Amino acid sequence: MISMGERMQAAGGCLTAAVGAGAGLALWSVGVQERLRRFEQSPDWSVLYAELPLMVLGGTAAALGLWALAHRVLLRRVLLRRVRSRR
């Protein structure tokens, strides 16, 4: 059976991934009109099929990396407190 703490961790990870994807999308959208029209009159479609997915995936990966790091640091602190309280 899954405990409530595990469900909260899973929900936190999913929420973090969604926020990271949104941040990547927001960062990509800054100045998108200029990037779409890089050359004189022809649109540069690599902005849509290459840069957009990379920014969304990059934002997701960065957010999940930070979440995992924070989770590890907090978990280590909790474990150290438990060890110290048993002494």
Protein backbone atom coordinates (compact mmCIF):
# COMPACT_ATOMS: atom_id res chain seq x y z
CA MET A 1 0.00 0.00 0.00
CA ILE A 2 1.17 3.51 -0.77
CA SER A 3 1.51 5.82 2.21
CA MET A 4 0.33 9.40 2.31
CA GLY A 5 3.92 10.66 2.38
CA GLU A 6 4.76 8.81 -0.83
CA ARG A 7 1.68 10.26 -2.50
CA MET A 8 2.69 13.76 -1.44
CA GLN A 9 6.20 13.21 -2.81
CA ALA A 10 4.80 11.96 -6.12
CA ALA A 11 2.39 14.88 -6.33
CA GLY A 12 5.20 17.29 -5.54
CA GLY A 13 7.34 15.81 -8.30
CA CYS A 14 4.52 16.01 -10.83
CA LEU A 15 3.71 19.58 -9.85
CA THR A 16 7.37 20.52 -10.08
CA ALA A 17 7.58 18.98 -13.57
CA ALA A 18 4.53 20.95 -14.69
CA VAL A 19 5.92 24.20 -13.28
CA GLY A 20 9.26 23.51 -14.97
CA ALA A 21 7.56 22.88 -18.31
CA GLY A 22 5.62 26.12 -17.91
CA ALA A 23 8.78 28.01 -17.06
CA GLY A 24 10.52 26.57 -20.13
CA LEU A 25 7.56 27.56 -22.30
CA ALA A 26 7.52 31.06 -20.81
CA LEU A 27 11.25 31.46 -21.39
CA TRP A 28 10.90 30.25 -24.98
CA SER A 29 8.06 32.68 -25.69
CA VAL A 30 10.21 35.73 -24.88
CA GLY A 31 11.10 37.27 -28.24
CA VAL A 32 9.58 34.44 -30.28
CA GLN A 33 8.45 36.80 -33.06
CA GLU A 34 12.03 37.84 -33.77
CA ARG A 35 13.23 34.22 -33.74
CA LEU A 36 10.47 33.10 -36.10
CA ARG A 37 11.57 35.74 -38.62
CA ARG A 38 15.34 35.32 -38.34
CA PHE A 39 15.91 35.62 -42.05
CA GLU A 40 14.50 38.24 -44.36
CA GLN A 41 11.05 36.88 -45.20
CA SER A 42 11.12 33.14 -44.70
CA PRO A 43 10.00 31.69 -41.37
CA ASP A 44 12.44 29.53 -39.43
CA TRP A 45 10.40 26.46 -38.46
CA SER A 46 13.20 24.97 -36.36
CA VAL A 47 12.05 27.40 -33.67
CA LEU A 48 8.86 25.37 -33.35
CA TYR A 49 10.00 21.80 -33.89
CA ALA A 50 13.42 21.98 -32.22
CA GLU A 51 13.70 24.90 -29.81
CA LEU A 52 10.23 24.69 -28.26
CA PRO A 53 10.42 21.01 -27.22
CA LEU A 54 13.99 21.46 -26.00
CA MET A 55 13.02 24.42 -23.82
CA VAL A 56 10.01 22.60 -22.35
CA LEU A 57 12.06 19.46 -21.67
CA GLY A 58 14.96 21.53 -20.35
CA GLY A 59 12.68 23.42 -17.99
CA THR A 60 11.17 20.17 -16.78
CA ALA A 61 14.59 18.57 -16.27
CA ALA A 62 15.95 21.60 -14.44
CA ALA A 63 12.93 21.82 -12.14
CA LEU A 64 13.02 18.10 -11.36
CA GLY A 65 16.76 18.28 -10.72
CA LEU A 66 16.27 21.11 -8.25
CA TRP A 67 13.37 19.25 -6.64
CA ALA A 68 15.46 16.09 -6.25
CA LEU A 69 18.35 18.08 -4.79
CA ALA A 70 16.08 19.86 -2.31
CA HIS A 71 14.38 16.58 -1.42
CA ARG A 72 17.73 14.93 -0.80
CA VAL A 73 18.96 17.80 1.37
CA LEU A 74 15.75 17.85 3.40
CA LEU A 75 15.76 14.05 3.75
CA ARG A 76 19.35 14.12 4.96
CA ARG A 77 18.50 16.75 7.58
CA VAL A 78 15.56 14.72 8.85
CA LEU A 79 17.66 11.57 9.07
CA LEU A 80 20.44 13.41 10.91
CA ARG A 81 17.94 14.76 13.42
CA ARG A 82 16.60 11.26 14.05
CA VAL A 83 20.09 9.87 14.58
CA ARG A 84 21.01 12.69 16.94
CA SER A 85 17.79 12.35 18.93
CA ARG A 86 18.44 8.62 19.52
CA ARG A 87 21.80 9.31 21.16
